[in-house]
Amino acid sequence: MTKPINELKTTPFTEVIELERTVTPDEEKRVDHIFVRRMKICKRHPEGFATEEYARFDIPWPEEPKEEVKESAKEEEKIKLNNK
């Protein structure tokens, strides 16, 4: 089980502005690579101190149902019955 992704949100102390978001799917690893560029502005600072930051994280794809495994299990049961 993977940890949930908590993205940075605006609070009473900081304002978060998303400047860019790039989503790149990866078929081999079955994940989406997310790259986010955002600006954080400190509201409590008299001059509105701003910083730009980058974040990168992966979001896994949902698992596909595995029906083929169930079919092979049924074949094994038939083989065992025939051997007795």
N, C-alpha and C. Protein backbone atom coordinates (compact mmCIF):
# COMPACT_ATOMS: atom_id res chain seq x y z
N MET A 1 0.84 -1.18 0.00
CA MET A 1 0.00 0.00 0.00
C MET A 1 0.89 1.25 0.00
N THR A 2 0.55 2.21 -0.84
CA THR A 2 1.35 3.41 -0.95
C THR A 2 0.76 4.52 -0.09
N LYS A 3 1.60 5.48 0.23
CA LYS A 3 1.16 6.62 1.01
C LYS A 3 0.36 7.57 0.12
N PRO A 4 -0.69 8.20 0.66
CA PRO A 4 -1.42 9.18 -0.14
C PRO A 4 -0.56 10.42 -0.39
N ILE A 5 -0.77 11.05 -1.52
CA ILE A 5 -0.02 12.24 -1.89
C ILE A 5 -0.77 13.46 -1.35
N ASN A 6 -0.12 14.24 -0.50
CA ASN A 6 -0.71 15.48 0.03
C ASN A 6 -0.01 16.66 -0.64
N GLU A 7 -0.73 17.32 -1.52
CA GLU A 7 -0.15 18.47 -2.20
C GLU A 7 -0.28 19.71 -1.32
N LEU A 8 0.66 20.64 -1.51
CA LEU A 8 0.69 21.87 -0.73
C LEU A 8 -0.53 22.72 -1.06
N LYS A 9 -1.20 23.24 -0.03
CA LYS A 9 -2.40 24.05 -0.22
C LYS A 9 -2.22 25.41 0.43
N THR A 10 -3.06 26.36 0.02
CA THR A 10 -3.04 27.69 0.60
C THR A 10 -3.55 27.64 2.04
N THR A 11 -2.86 28.36 2.92
CA THR A 11 -3.23 28.44 4.33
C THR A 11 -3.38 29.92 4.70
N PRO A 12 -3.80 30.21 5.93
CA PRO A 12 -3.87 31.63 6.34
C PRO A 12 -2.50 32.32 6.34
N PHE A 13 -1.42 31.55 6.39
CA PHE A 13 -0.08 32.13 6.45
C PHE A 13 0.61 32.19 5.09
N THR A 14 0.31 31.25 4.20
CA THR A 14 0.96 31.21 2.89
C THR A 14 -0.07 31.03 1.78
N GLU A 15 0.22 31.63 0.65
CA GLU A 15 -0.61 31.46 -0.54
C GLU A 15 0.20 30.63 -1.53
N VAL A 16 -0.41 29.61 -2.11
CA VAL A 16 0.27 28.73 -3.05
C VAL A 16 -0.37 28.92 -4.43
N ILE A 17 0.46 29.27 -5.41
CA ILE A 17 0.00 29.46 -6.78
C ILE A 17 0.74 28.46 -7.66
N GLU A 18 -0.03 27.60 -8.33
CA GLU A 18 0.59 26.61 -9.23
C GLU A 18 0.89 27.27 -10.57
N LEU A 19 2.16 27.22 -10.96
CA LEU A 19 2.59 27.86 -12.20
C LEU A 19 2.63 26.89 -13.38
N GLU A 20 2.99 25.63 -13.11
CA GLU A 20 3.12 24.65 -14.18
C GLU A 20 2.93 23.25 -13.61
N ARG A 21 2.29 22.38 -14.38
CA ARG A 21 2.12 20.98 -13.99
C ARG A 21 2.31 20.13 -15.24
N THR A 22 3.22 19.15 -15.14
CA THR A 22 3.48 18.24 -16.25
C THR A 22 3.24 16.81 -15.78
N VAL A 23 2.42 16.08 -16.52
CA VAL A 23 2.13 14.68 -16.21
C VAL A 23 2.70 13.82 -17.33
N THR A 24 3.58 12.89 -16.95
CA THR A 24 4.20 12.00 -17.92
C THR A 24 3.91 10.55 -17.54
N PRO A 25 3.11 9.83 -18.32
CA PRO A 25 2.85 8.43 -18.01
C PRO A 25 4.06 7.55 -18.31
N ASP A 26 4.27 6.53 -17.49
CA ASP A 26 5.37 5.58 -17.68
C ASP A 26 4.76 4.19 -17.76
N GLU A 27 4.68 3.65 -18.98
CA GLU A 27 4.06 2.35 -19.21
C GLU A 27 4.81 1.22 -18.50
N GLU A 28 6.14 1.30 -18.49
CA GLU A 28 6.95 0.22 -17.92
C GLU A 28 6.76 0.10 -16.41
N LYS A 29 6.78 1.23 -15.70
CA LYS A 29 6.64 1.21 -14.24
C LYS A 29 5.19 1.33 -13.78
N ARG A 30 4.27 1.59 -14.71
CA ARG A 30 2.85 1.74 -14.43
C ARG A 30 2.58 2.84 -13.41
N VAL A 31 3.19 4.02 -13.65
CA VAL A 31 2.98 5.20 -12.80
C VAL A 31 2.89 6.44 -13.69
N ASP A 32 2.36 7.51 -13.12
CA ASP A 32 2.39 8.82 -13.75
C ASP A 32 3.39 9.67 -12.98
N HIS A 33 4.38 10.22 -13.68
CA HIS A 33 5.35 11.11 -13.06
C HIS A 33 4.76 12.53 -13.11
N ILE A 34 4.61 13.15 -11.96
CA ILE A 34 4.03 14.49 -11.85
C ILE A 34 5.15 15.46 -11.48
N PHE A 35 5.28 16.55 -12.25
CA PHE A 35 6.25 17.60 -11.98
C PHE A 35 5.46 18.89 -11.81
N VAL A 36 5.61 19.56 -10.65
CA VAL A 36 4.84 20.76 -10.35
C VAL A 36 5.81 21.90 -10.03
N ARG A 37 5.57 23.04 -10.65
CA ARG A 37 6.31 24.27 -10.32
C ARG A 37 5.29 25.22 -9.70
N ARG A 38 5.59 25.71 -8.51
CA ARG A 38 4.63 26.57 -7.81
C ARG A 38 5.34 27.69 -7.07
N MET A 39 4.56 28.73 -6.77
CA MET A 39 5.09 29.88 -6.04
C MET A 39 4.38 29.94 -4.69
N LYS A 40 5.18 30.09 -3.63
CA LYS A 40 4.64 30.26 -2.29
C LYS A 40 4.86 31.70 -1.87
N ILE A 41 3.81 32.34 -1.40
CA ILE A 41 3.89 33.73 -0.96
C ILE A 41 3.52 33.77 0.52
N CYS A 42 4.43 34.30 1.33
CA CYS A 42 4.19 34.43 2.77
C CYS A 42 3.30 35.65 3.00
N LYS A 43 2.10 35.44 3.52
CA LYS A 43 1.16 36.53 3.74
C LYS A 43 1.50 37.33 5.00
N ARG A 44 2.18 36.72 5.94
CA ARG A 44 2.50 37.40 7.20
C ARG A 44 3.71 38.33 7.08
N HIS A 45 4.49 38.16 6.02
CA HIS A 45 5.66 39.02 5.80
C HIS A 45 5.16 40.36 5.26
N PRO A 46 5.66 41.49 5.78
CA PRO A 46 5.16 42.80 5.34
C PRO A 46 5.32 43.04 3.84
N GLU A 47 6.35 42.47 3.22
CA GLU A 47 6.58 42.69 1.79
C GLU A 47 6.05 41.54 0.94
N GLY A 48 5.40 40.56 1.53
CA GLY A 48 4.88 39.42 0.77
C GLY A 48 5.98 38.56 0.20
N PHE A 49 6.88 38.10 1.05
CA PHE A 49 8.04 37.30 0.65
C PHE A 49 7.59 36.09 -0.18
N ALA A 50 8.14 35.96 -1.41
CA ALA A 50 7.73 34.89 -2.33
C ALA A 50 8.91 33.99 -2.67
N THR A 51 8.64 32.69 -2.75
CA THR A 51 9.65 31.72 -3.19
C THR A 51 9.03 30.82 -4.23
N GLU A 52 9.88 30.36 -5.15
CA GLU A 52 9.42 29.42 -6.17
C GLU A 52 10.02 28.05 -5.85
N GLU A 53 9.19 27.02 -5.93
CA GLU A 53 9.69 25.68 -5.62
C GLU A 53 9.19 24.69 -6.65
N TYR A 54 9.90 23.56 -6.69
CA TYR A 54 9.58 22.47 -7.62
C TYR A 54 9.28 21.22 -6.81
N ALA A 55 8.33 20.45 -7.26
CA ALA A 55 8.00 19.18 -6.60
C ALA A 55 7.82 18.11 -7.67
N ARG A 56 8.27 16.90 -7.35
CA ARG A 56 8.10 15.77 -8.26
C ARG A 56 7.64 14.57 -7.45
N PHE A 57 6.60 13.91 -7.92
CA PHE A 57 6.12 12.71 -7.26
C PHE A 57 5.48 11.79 -8.28
N ASP A 58 5.28 10.54 -7.88
CA ASP A 58 4.71 9.52 -8.76
C ASP A 58 3.36 9.07 -8.22
N ILE A 59 2.42 8.87 -9.12
CA ILE A 59 1.11 8.34 -8.75
C ILE A 59 0.95 7.00 -9.46
N PRO A 60 0.83 5.90 -8.68
CA PRO A 60 0.71 4.58 -9.32
C PRO A 60 -0.65 4.41 -10.00
N TRP A 61 -0.64 3.63 -11.05
CA TRP A 61 -1.88 3.30 -11.76
C TRP A 61 -2.66 2.28 -10.94
N PRO A 62 -3.98 2.24 -11.10
CA PRO A 62 -4.75 1.21 -10.40
C PRO A 62 -4.41 -0.18 -10.92
N GLU A 63 -4.50 -1.15 -10.05
CA GLU A 63 -4.19 -2.54 -10.43
C GLU A 63 -5.28 -3.08 -11.35
N GLU A 64 -4.85 -3.85 -12.35
CA GLU A 64 -5.80 -4.49 -13.25
C GLU A 64 -6.23 -5.82 -12.67
N PRO A 65 -7.47 -6.21 -12.87
CA PRO A 65 -7.90 -7.52 -12.36
C PRO A 65 -7.13 -8.65 -13.03
N LYS A 66 -6.76 -9.64 -12.25
CA LYS A 66 -5.96 -10.75 -12.76
C LYS A 66 -6.84 -11.99 -12.92
N GLU A 67 -7.53 -12.08 -14.06
CA GLU A 67 -8.41 -13.20 -14.31
C GLU A 67 -7.65 -14.42 -14.82
N GLU A 68 -6.51 -14.22 -15.45
CA GLU A 68 -5.74 -15.33 -16.00
C GLU A 68 -5.26 -16.27 -14.90
N VAL A 69 -4.94 -15.75 -13.75
CA VAL A 69 -4.47 -16.58 -12.64
C VAL A 69 -5.58 -17.52 -12.19
N LYS A 70 -6.81 -17.04 -12.16
CA LYS A 70 -7.93 -17.88 -11.74
C LYS A 70 -8.12 -19.05 -12.71
N GLU A 71 -7.97 -18.80 -14.01
CA GLU A 71 -8.13 -19.86 -15.00
C GLU A 71 -7.07 -20.94 -14.83
N SER A 72 -5.82 -20.55 -14.56
CA SER A 72 -4.76 -21.54 -14.39
C SER A 72 -5.00 -22.36 -13.12
N ALA A 73 -5.58 -21.77 -12.11
CA ALA A 73 -5.88 -22.50 -10.88
C ALA A 73 -6.94 -23.57 -11.15
N LYS A 74 -7.91 -23.28 -11.99
CA LYS A 74 -8.94 -24.26 -12.33
C LYS A 74 -8.33 -25.44 -13.10
N GLU A 75 -7.40 -25.16 -13.99
CA GLU A 75 -6.75 -26.22 -14.76
C GLU A 75 -5.97 -27.15 -13.83
N GLU A 76 -5.30 -26.60 -12.83
CA GLU A 76 -4.54 -27.40 -11.88
C GLU A 76 -5.47 -28.33 -11.10
N GLU A 77 -6.65 -27.84 -10.73
CA GLU A 77 -7.60 -28.66 -10.01
C GLU A 77 -8.05 -29.86 -10.87
N LYS A 78 -8.29 -29.61 -12.16
CA LYS A 78 -8.69 -30.68 -13.06
C LYS A 78 -7.61 -31.72 -13.19
N ILE A 79 -6.38 -31.31 -13.26
CA ILE A 79 -5.24 -32.22 -13.39
C ILE A 79 -5.14 -33.10 -12.14
N LYS A 80 -5.31 -32.52 -10.98
CA LYS A 80 -5.23 -33.29 -9.74
C LYS A 80 -6.33 -34.34 -9.66
N LEU A 81 -7.51 -34.01 -10.13
CA LEU A 81 -8.64 -34.95 -10.10
C LEU A 81 -8.39 -36.11 -11.06
N ASN A 82 -7.78 -35.85 -12.21
CA ASN A 82 -7.51 -36.88 -13.20
C ASN A 82 -6.42 -37.86 -12.74
N ASN A 83 -5.50 -37.41 -11.91
CA ASN A 83 -4.41 -38.26 -11.44
C ASN A 83 -4.87 -39.27 -10.39
N LYS A 84 -5.96 -39.05 -9.71
CA LYS A 84 -6.41 -39.96 -8.63
C LYS A 84 -7.09 -41.17 -9.16
